[in-house]
N, C-alpha and C. Protein backbone atom coordinates (compact mmCIF):
# COMPACT_ATOMS: atom_id res chain seq x y z
N UNK A 1 -100.90 158.49 -96.55
CA UNK A 1 -100.88 157.29 -95.82
C UNK A 1 -99.95 157.39 -94.62
N UNK A 2 -100.44 157.10 -93.42
CA UNK A 2 -99.74 157.27 -92.11
C UNK A 2 -98.79 156.13 -92.01
N UNK A 3 -97.56 156.52 -91.48
CA UNK A 3 -96.56 155.47 -91.23
C UNK A 3 -96.63 154.95 -89.88
N UNK A 4 -96.37 153.70 -89.71
CA UNK A 4 -96.36 153.05 -88.35
C UNK A 4 -95.22 153.21 -87.62
N UNK A 5 -95.10 152.94 -86.40
CA UNK A 5 -93.93 153.05 -85.55
C UNK A 5 -92.85 152.10 -86.08
N UNK A 6 -93.20 150.96 -86.54
CA UNK A 6 -92.18 149.98 -87.14
C UNK A 6 -91.61 150.53 -88.27
N UNK A 7 -92.40 151.15 -89.22
CA UNK A 7 -91.85 151.74 -90.51
C UNK A 7 -90.93 152.88 -90.18
N UNK A 8 -91.30 153.72 -89.12
CA UNK A 8 -90.38 154.78 -88.76
C UNK A 8 -89.09 154.24 -88.22
N UNK A 9 -89.20 153.12 -87.36
CA UNK A 9 -88.01 152.59 -86.81
C UNK A 9 -87.15 151.93 -87.89
N UNK A 10 -87.69 151.23 -88.85
CA UNK A 10 -87.01 150.61 -89.94
C UNK A 10 -86.33 151.63 -90.82
N UNK A 11 -86.78 152.81 -90.84
CA UNK A 11 -86.20 153.84 -91.70
C UNK A 11 -84.96 154.53 -91.06
N UNK A 12 -84.76 154.23 -89.72
CA UNK A 12 -83.57 154.82 -89.05
C UNK A 12 -82.23 154.03 -89.48
N UNK A 13 -81.20 154.80 -89.29
CA UNK A 13 -79.87 154.09 -89.53
C UNK A 13 -79.64 153.19 -88.39
N UNK A 14 -78.61 152.23 -88.59
CA UNK A 14 -78.32 151.28 -87.58
C UNK A 14 -77.90 151.99 -86.32
N UNK A 15 -77.08 153.04 -86.38
CA UNK A 15 -76.67 153.71 -85.19
C UNK A 15 -77.87 154.32 -84.45
N UNK A 16 -78.81 154.92 -85.24
CA UNK A 16 -80.03 155.52 -84.59
C UNK A 16 -80.85 154.43 -83.93
N UNK A 17 -80.93 153.26 -84.59
CA UNK A 17 -81.65 152.17 -84.01
C UNK A 17 -81.04 151.72 -82.64
N UNK A 18 -79.74 151.62 -82.66
CA UNK A 18 -79.01 151.22 -81.47
C UNK A 18 -79.21 152.19 -80.33
N UNK A 19 -79.15 153.49 -80.70
CA UNK A 19 -79.31 154.59 -79.67
C UNK A 19 -80.79 154.48 -79.15
N UNK A 20 -81.78 154.21 -79.99
CA UNK A 20 -83.11 154.14 -79.57
C UNK A 20 -83.31 152.89 -78.63
N UNK A 21 -82.78 151.79 -79.08
CA UNK A 21 -82.79 150.59 -78.21
C UNK A 21 -82.11 150.73 -76.93
N UNK A 22 -80.95 151.30 -76.94
CA UNK A 22 -80.18 151.53 -75.67
C UNK A 22 -80.93 152.44 -74.74
N UNK A 23 -81.53 153.49 -75.25
CA UNK A 23 -82.21 154.43 -74.43
C UNK A 23 -83.42 153.69 -73.70
N UNK A 24 -84.13 152.92 -74.43
CA UNK A 24 -85.25 152.22 -73.94
C UNK A 24 -84.85 151.15 -72.99
N UNK A 25 -83.76 150.49 -73.28
CA UNK A 25 -83.23 149.39 -72.38
C UNK A 25 -82.82 149.94 -71.06
N UNK A 26 -82.15 151.13 -71.11
CA UNK A 26 -81.79 151.85 -69.88
C UNK A 26 -82.95 152.23 -69.04
N UNK A 27 -83.96 152.80 -69.79
CA UNK A 27 -85.22 153.21 -69.05
C UNK A 27 -85.88 151.95 -68.46
N UNK A 28 -85.96 150.83 -69.20
CA UNK A 28 -86.50 149.63 -68.61
C UNK A 28 -85.81 149.15 -67.38
N UNK A 29 -84.48 149.16 -67.44
CA UNK A 29 -83.71 148.72 -66.25
C UNK A 29 -83.96 149.71 -65.12
N UNK A 30 -84.01 151.04 -65.40
CA UNK A 30 -84.29 151.92 -64.30
C UNK A 30 -85.61 151.71 -63.63
N UNK A 31 -86.66 151.34 -64.42
CA UNK A 31 -88.01 151.16 -63.91
C UNK A 31 -87.92 149.88 -63.04
N UNK A 32 -87.29 148.86 -63.42
CA UNK A 32 -87.20 147.65 -62.65
C UNK A 32 -86.45 147.93 -61.35
N UNK A 33 -85.34 148.67 -61.37
CA UNK A 33 -84.61 148.94 -60.21
C UNK A 33 -85.48 149.88 -59.24
N UNK A 34 -86.17 150.77 -59.77
CA UNK A 34 -86.90 151.73 -58.92
C UNK A 34 -88.01 150.87 -58.21
N UNK A 35 -88.59 149.99 -58.85
CA UNK A 35 -89.63 149.11 -58.29
C UNK A 35 -89.08 148.47 -57.04
N UNK A 36 -87.89 147.91 -57.13
CA UNK A 36 -87.31 147.24 -56.02
C UNK A 36 -86.88 148.21 -54.92
N UNK A 37 -86.84 149.48 -55.31
CA UNK A 37 -86.53 150.58 -54.33
C UNK A 37 -87.61 150.86 -53.39
N UNK A 38 -88.72 150.21 -53.55
CA UNK A 38 -89.89 150.35 -52.57
C UNK A 38 -89.41 149.68 -51.25
N UNK A 39 -88.72 148.64 -51.25
CA UNK A 39 -88.40 147.83 -50.08
C UNK A 39 -87.71 148.80 -49.06
N UNK A 40 -86.65 149.44 -49.45
CA UNK A 40 -85.97 150.37 -48.38
C UNK A 40 -86.86 151.47 -47.88
N UNK A 41 -87.84 151.80 -48.66
CA UNK A 41 -88.83 152.75 -48.15
C UNK A 41 -89.64 152.30 -47.05
N UNK A 42 -89.84 151.03 -47.00
CA UNK A 42 -90.63 150.38 -45.88
C UNK A 42 -89.84 150.62 -44.59
N UNK A 43 -88.46 150.49 -44.61
CA UNK A 43 -87.77 150.69 -43.35
C UNK A 43 -87.88 152.12 -42.82
N UNK A 44 -87.80 153.07 -43.76
CA UNK A 44 -87.88 154.51 -43.33
C UNK A 44 -89.27 154.78 -42.72
N UNK A 45 -90.34 154.29 -43.44
CA UNK A 45 -91.67 154.39 -42.96
C UNK A 45 -91.88 153.74 -41.66
N UNK A 46 -91.34 152.52 -41.46
CA UNK A 46 -91.52 151.81 -40.23
C UNK A 46 -90.86 152.63 -39.08
N UNK A 47 -89.75 153.28 -39.35
CA UNK A 47 -89.16 154.13 -38.30
C UNK A 47 -90.12 155.26 -37.87
N UNK A 48 -90.69 155.86 -38.80
CA UNK A 48 -91.72 156.84 -38.51
C UNK A 48 -92.92 156.33 -37.75
N UNK A 49 -93.34 155.13 -38.03
CA UNK A 49 -94.49 154.50 -37.25
C UNK A 49 -94.05 154.24 -35.84
N UNK A 50 -92.76 153.86 -35.65
CA UNK A 50 -92.25 153.66 -34.25
C UNK A 50 -92.35 154.96 -33.46
N UNK A 51 -92.01 156.07 -34.12
CA UNK A 51 -92.20 157.33 -33.45
C UNK A 51 -93.62 157.55 -33.05
N UNK A 52 -94.51 157.40 -33.98
CA UNK A 52 -95.96 157.66 -33.73
C UNK A 52 -96.42 156.66 -32.54
N UNK A 53 -95.95 155.43 -32.63
CA UNK A 53 -96.36 154.42 -31.64
C UNK A 53 -95.91 154.82 -30.22
N UNK A 54 -94.82 155.49 -30.19
CA UNK A 54 -94.35 155.78 -28.80
C UNK A 54 -94.60 157.26 -28.33
N UNK A 55 -95.66 157.85 -28.94
CA UNK A 55 -95.96 159.17 -28.51
C UNK A 55 -96.22 159.17 -26.97
N UNK A 56 -95.69 160.17 -26.36
CA UNK A 56 -95.98 160.35 -24.93
C UNK A 56 -97.26 161.17 -24.77
N UNK A 57 -98.27 160.78 -24.08
CA UNK A 57 -99.49 161.61 -23.99
C UNK A 57 -99.21 162.95 -23.33
N UNK A 58 -98.16 163.13 -22.61
CA UNK A 58 -97.86 164.39 -21.94
C UNK A 58 -97.33 165.35 -23.03
N UNK A 59 -96.74 164.88 -24.11
CA UNK A 59 -96.25 165.75 -25.17
C UNK A 59 -97.30 166.15 -26.10
N UNK A 60 -98.07 165.19 -26.52
CA UNK A 60 -99.17 165.43 -27.48
C UNK A 60 -100.40 164.63 -27.01
N UNK A 61 -101.38 165.46 -26.46
CA UNK A 61 -102.50 164.67 -26.01
C UNK A 61 -103.27 163.99 -27.22
N UNK A 62 -103.67 162.81 -27.03
CA UNK A 62 -104.32 162.02 -28.06
C UNK A 62 -105.82 162.36 -28.08
N UNK A 63 -106.10 163.59 -28.54
CA UNK A 63 -107.53 163.93 -28.59
C UNK A 63 -108.07 163.48 -30.04
N UNK A 64 -109.29 163.76 -30.30
CA UNK A 64 -109.91 163.33 -31.50
C UNK A 64 -109.22 163.93 -32.75
N UNK A 65 -108.82 165.19 -32.64
CA UNK A 65 -108.23 165.88 -33.79
C UNK A 65 -106.90 165.17 -34.19
N UNK A 66 -106.07 164.88 -33.20
CA UNK A 66 -104.76 164.24 -33.34
C UNK A 66 -105.02 162.81 -33.90
N UNK A 67 -105.99 162.12 -33.44
CA UNK A 67 -106.24 160.88 -33.90
C UNK A 67 -106.69 160.86 -35.35
N UNK A 68 -107.51 161.86 -35.74
CA UNK A 68 -107.89 161.95 -37.20
C UNK A 68 -106.69 162.25 -38.01
N UNK A 69 -105.86 163.19 -37.62
CA UNK A 69 -104.61 163.55 -38.40
C UNK A 69 -103.66 162.30 -38.57
N UNK A 70 -103.49 161.62 -37.47
CA UNK A 70 -102.54 160.45 -37.50
C UNK A 70 -103.15 159.37 -38.42
N UNK A 71 -104.47 159.20 -38.28
CA UNK A 71 -105.15 158.19 -39.18
C UNK A 71 -105.04 158.60 -40.62
N UNK A 72 -105.18 159.79 -40.98
CA UNK A 72 -105.08 160.33 -42.37
C UNK A 72 -103.67 160.04 -42.86
N UNK A 73 -102.68 160.48 -41.99
CA UNK A 73 -101.28 160.35 -42.43
C UNK A 73 -100.86 158.83 -42.58
N UNK A 74 -101.35 158.02 -41.77
CA UNK A 74 -101.06 156.59 -41.80
C UNK A 74 -101.71 155.92 -43.01
N UNK A 75 -102.92 156.34 -43.37
CA UNK A 75 -103.57 155.70 -44.55
C UNK A 75 -103.01 156.19 -45.82
N UNK A 76 -102.43 157.43 -45.79
CA UNK A 76 -101.81 157.92 -47.04
C UNK A 76 -100.70 157.02 -47.46
N UNK A 77 -99.88 156.48 -46.50
CA UNK A 77 -98.69 155.72 -46.71
C UNK A 77 -98.99 154.51 -47.62
N UNK A 78 -99.89 153.54 -47.27
CA UNK A 78 -100.05 152.41 -48.13
C UNK A 78 -100.76 152.82 -49.43
N UNK A 79 -101.62 153.79 -49.44
CA UNK A 79 -102.21 154.23 -50.68
C UNK A 79 -101.21 154.69 -51.67
N UNK A 80 -100.29 155.55 -51.22
CA UNK A 80 -99.26 156.10 -52.08
C UNK A 80 -98.24 154.95 -52.58
N UNK A 81 -98.01 153.95 -51.67
CA UNK A 81 -97.24 152.85 -52.10
C UNK A 81 -97.84 152.02 -53.16
N UNK A 82 -99.24 151.77 -52.98
CA UNK A 82 -99.93 151.02 -53.99
C UNK A 82 -99.92 151.73 -55.38
N UNK A 83 -100.04 153.10 -55.40
CA UNK A 83 -100.06 153.71 -56.66
C UNK A 83 -98.66 153.80 -57.22
N UNK A 84 -97.62 154.02 -56.40
CA UNK A 84 -96.20 154.02 -56.80
C UNK A 84 -95.91 152.68 -57.47
N UNK A 85 -96.25 151.65 -56.87
CA UNK A 85 -95.97 150.33 -57.37
C UNK A 85 -96.76 150.05 -58.68
N UNK A 86 -98.00 150.45 -58.71
CA UNK A 86 -98.81 150.33 -59.93
C UNK A 86 -98.12 151.07 -61.11
N UNK A 87 -97.69 152.30 -60.79
CA UNK A 87 -97.08 153.14 -61.85
C UNK A 87 -95.82 152.51 -62.40
N UNK A 88 -95.06 151.98 -61.49
CA UNK A 88 -93.76 151.29 -62.03
C UNK A 88 -94.09 150.08 -62.80
N UNK A 89 -95.11 149.27 -62.45
CA UNK A 89 -95.44 148.12 -63.28
C UNK A 89 -95.95 148.51 -64.60
N UNK A 90 -96.79 149.61 -64.64
CA UNK A 90 -97.36 150.09 -65.78
C UNK A 90 -96.30 150.61 -66.80
N UNK A 91 -95.24 151.25 -66.11
CA UNK A 91 -94.13 151.79 -67.02
C UNK A 91 -93.37 150.61 -67.68
N UNK A 92 -93.23 149.49 -66.87
CA UNK A 92 -92.58 148.33 -67.59
C UNK A 92 -93.37 147.86 -68.74
N UNK A 93 -94.64 147.78 -68.55
CA UNK A 93 -95.52 147.29 -69.69
C UNK A 93 -95.48 148.23 -70.90
N UNK A 94 -95.49 149.53 -70.65
CA UNK A 94 -95.46 150.59 -71.72
C UNK A 94 -94.13 150.49 -72.47
N UNK A 95 -93.06 150.25 -71.84
CA UNK A 95 -91.78 150.19 -72.44
C UNK A 95 -91.63 148.96 -73.32
N UNK A 96 -92.13 147.81 -72.84
CA UNK A 96 -92.12 146.56 -73.60
C UNK A 96 -93.01 146.73 -74.85
N UNK A 97 -94.11 147.39 -74.66
CA UNK A 97 -95.09 147.63 -75.80
C UNK A 97 -94.41 148.51 -76.83
N UNK A 98 -93.66 149.57 -76.44
CA UNK A 98 -93.08 150.43 -77.39
C UNK A 98 -92.02 149.57 -78.23
N UNK A 99 -91.27 148.70 -77.59
CA UNK A 99 -90.43 147.86 -78.34
C UNK A 99 -91.20 146.96 -79.32
N UNK A 100 -92.31 146.45 -78.97
CA UNK A 100 -93.15 145.52 -79.76
C UNK A 100 -93.68 146.38 -80.99
N UNK A 101 -93.98 147.66 -80.77
CA UNK A 101 -94.54 148.49 -81.81
C UNK A 101 -93.48 148.71 -82.95
N UNK A 102 -92.25 148.67 -82.62
CA UNK A 102 -91.18 148.89 -83.64
C UNK A 102 -90.70 147.53 -84.14
N UNK A 103 -91.27 146.47 -83.71
CA UNK A 103 -90.85 145.18 -84.25
C UNK A 103 -89.77 144.43 -83.44
N UNK A 104 -89.51 144.91 -82.31
CA UNK A 104 -88.49 144.26 -81.43
C UNK A 104 -89.21 143.35 -80.40
N UNK A 105 -88.92 142.09 -80.52
CA UNK A 105 -89.54 141.18 -79.53
C UNK A 105 -88.41 140.51 -78.74
N UNK A 106 -88.66 140.20 -77.49
CA UNK A 106 -87.71 139.55 -76.70
C UNK A 106 -88.10 138.16 -76.48
N UNK A 107 -87.02 137.24 -76.52
CA UNK A 107 -87.33 135.89 -76.16
C UNK A 107 -87.61 135.64 -74.72
N UNK A 108 -88.74 135.15 -74.37
CA UNK A 108 -89.09 135.02 -72.95
C UNK A 108 -88.66 133.60 -72.52
N UNK A 109 -87.70 133.65 -71.56
CA UNK A 109 -87.24 132.43 -70.97
C UNK A 109 -88.02 132.07 -69.73
N UNK A 110 -88.08 130.84 -69.31
CA UNK A 110 -88.73 130.49 -68.06
C UNK A 110 -88.07 131.17 -66.96
N UNK A 111 -88.84 131.66 -65.99
CA UNK A 111 -88.25 132.39 -64.84
C UNK A 111 -87.79 131.35 -63.75
N UNK A 112 -86.75 131.61 -63.13
CA UNK A 112 -86.38 130.76 -62.04
C UNK A 112 -87.27 131.10 -60.81
N UNK A 113 -87.34 130.26 -59.90
CA UNK A 113 -88.14 130.44 -58.63
C UNK A 113 -87.77 131.74 -57.98
N UNK A 114 -86.49 131.94 -57.85
CA UNK A 114 -86.03 133.21 -57.23
C UNK A 114 -86.46 134.49 -57.92
N UNK A 115 -86.49 134.42 -59.24
CA UNK A 115 -86.95 135.57 -60.03
C UNK A 115 -88.40 135.78 -59.78
N UNK A 116 -89.15 134.63 -59.80
CA UNK A 116 -90.63 134.78 -59.65
C UNK A 116 -90.90 135.38 -58.20
N UNK A 117 -90.21 134.86 -57.22
CA UNK A 117 -90.42 135.42 -55.83
C UNK A 117 -90.05 136.92 -55.73
N UNK A 118 -88.88 137.21 -56.29
CA UNK A 118 -88.40 138.64 -56.16
C UNK A 118 -89.34 139.61 -56.90
N UNK A 119 -90.05 139.07 -58.00
CA UNK A 119 -90.97 139.94 -58.69
C UNK A 119 -92.24 140.29 -57.82
N UNK A 120 -92.60 139.47 -57.01
CA UNK A 120 -93.78 139.71 -56.23
C UNK A 120 -93.55 140.19 -54.82
N UNK A 121 -92.31 140.25 -54.38
CA UNK A 121 -91.92 140.72 -53.00
C UNK A 121 -92.47 142.15 -52.78
N UNK A 122 -92.25 143.06 -53.63
CA UNK A 122 -92.85 144.45 -53.33
C UNK A 122 -94.33 144.45 -53.16
N UNK A 123 -95.11 143.66 -53.96
CA UNK A 123 -96.49 143.52 -53.75
C UNK A 123 -96.90 143.01 -52.39
N UNK A 124 -96.16 141.86 -52.02
CA UNK A 124 -96.56 141.24 -50.72
C UNK A 124 -96.14 142.25 -49.62
N UNK A 125 -95.02 142.88 -49.69
CA UNK A 125 -94.62 143.81 -48.72
C UNK A 125 -95.63 144.94 -48.52
N UNK A 126 -96.14 145.48 -49.59
CA UNK A 126 -97.11 146.61 -49.58
C UNK A 126 -98.41 146.05 -48.83
N UNK A 127 -98.84 144.89 -49.13
CA UNK A 127 -100.08 144.35 -48.62
C UNK A 127 -99.89 144.18 -47.13
N UNK A 128 -98.79 143.52 -46.65
CA UNK A 128 -98.48 143.40 -45.23
C UNK A 128 -98.43 144.75 -44.52
N UNK A 129 -97.68 145.69 -45.14
CA UNK A 129 -97.57 146.93 -44.59
C UNK A 129 -98.93 147.59 -44.46
N UNK A 130 -99.83 147.59 -45.40
CA UNK A 130 -101.17 148.12 -45.41
C UNK A 130 -101.91 147.43 -44.26
N UNK A 131 -101.79 146.15 -44.06
CA UNK A 131 -102.54 145.44 -42.98
C UNK A 131 -102.08 145.95 -41.55
N UNK A 132 -100.67 146.07 -41.43
CA UNK A 132 -100.11 146.62 -40.19
C UNK A 132 -100.74 148.09 -39.88
N UNK A 133 -100.70 148.83 -40.94
CA UNK A 133 -101.26 150.26 -40.75
C UNK A 133 -102.78 150.24 -40.36
N UNK A 134 -103.51 149.36 -40.94
CA UNK A 134 -104.90 149.23 -40.62
C UNK A 134 -105.11 148.78 -39.13
N UNK A 135 -104.29 147.89 -38.68
CA UNK A 135 -104.31 147.43 -37.33
C UNK A 135 -103.94 148.61 -36.36
N UNK A 136 -102.96 149.43 -36.76
CA UNK A 136 -102.53 150.50 -35.96
C UNK A 136 -103.65 151.58 -35.85
N UNK A 137 -104.38 151.82 -37.03
CA UNK A 137 -105.55 152.72 -37.01
C UNK A 137 -106.61 152.28 -36.05
N UNK A 138 -106.89 150.95 -36.15
CA UNK A 138 -107.89 150.44 -35.30
C UNK A 138 -107.49 150.58 -33.80
N UNK A 139 -106.19 150.31 -33.53
CA UNK A 139 -105.78 150.50 -32.06
C UNK A 139 -105.82 151.93 -31.64
N UNK A 140 -105.53 152.87 -32.54
CA UNK A 140 -105.58 154.37 -32.23
C UNK A 140 -106.99 154.63 -31.77
N UNK A 141 -108.00 154.13 -32.52
CA UNK A 141 -109.38 154.49 -32.14
C UNK A 141 -109.89 153.55 -31.12
């Protein structure tokens, strides 16, 4: 008969259970913090976009090849941010699911408005950033 994750967890000593819980809580906190780390990345990418926007045609002629390369590089930015954000959200879900599999449930308290807003800020920022990049691509062409 196969043992479940909960049975395996229940068979651990109290110190082993605490180590398991602490490891997963630390991982959970890291995932949440990393997700918010997307916001500073916007600043760095925006700086790069300013450099692209101020190209001097005498330095780099804006022929079709350069336009294609710039378009590809610009489009990679929001796509990678979408996937990065999705992966972080998915990690949060998997960590909570692993707790549930061993019988640990967290009491869910109603979120404050500030917490609700801060949870969606990275999503909103990525969408706005993607729109800006699409506008830049249209302007380039």
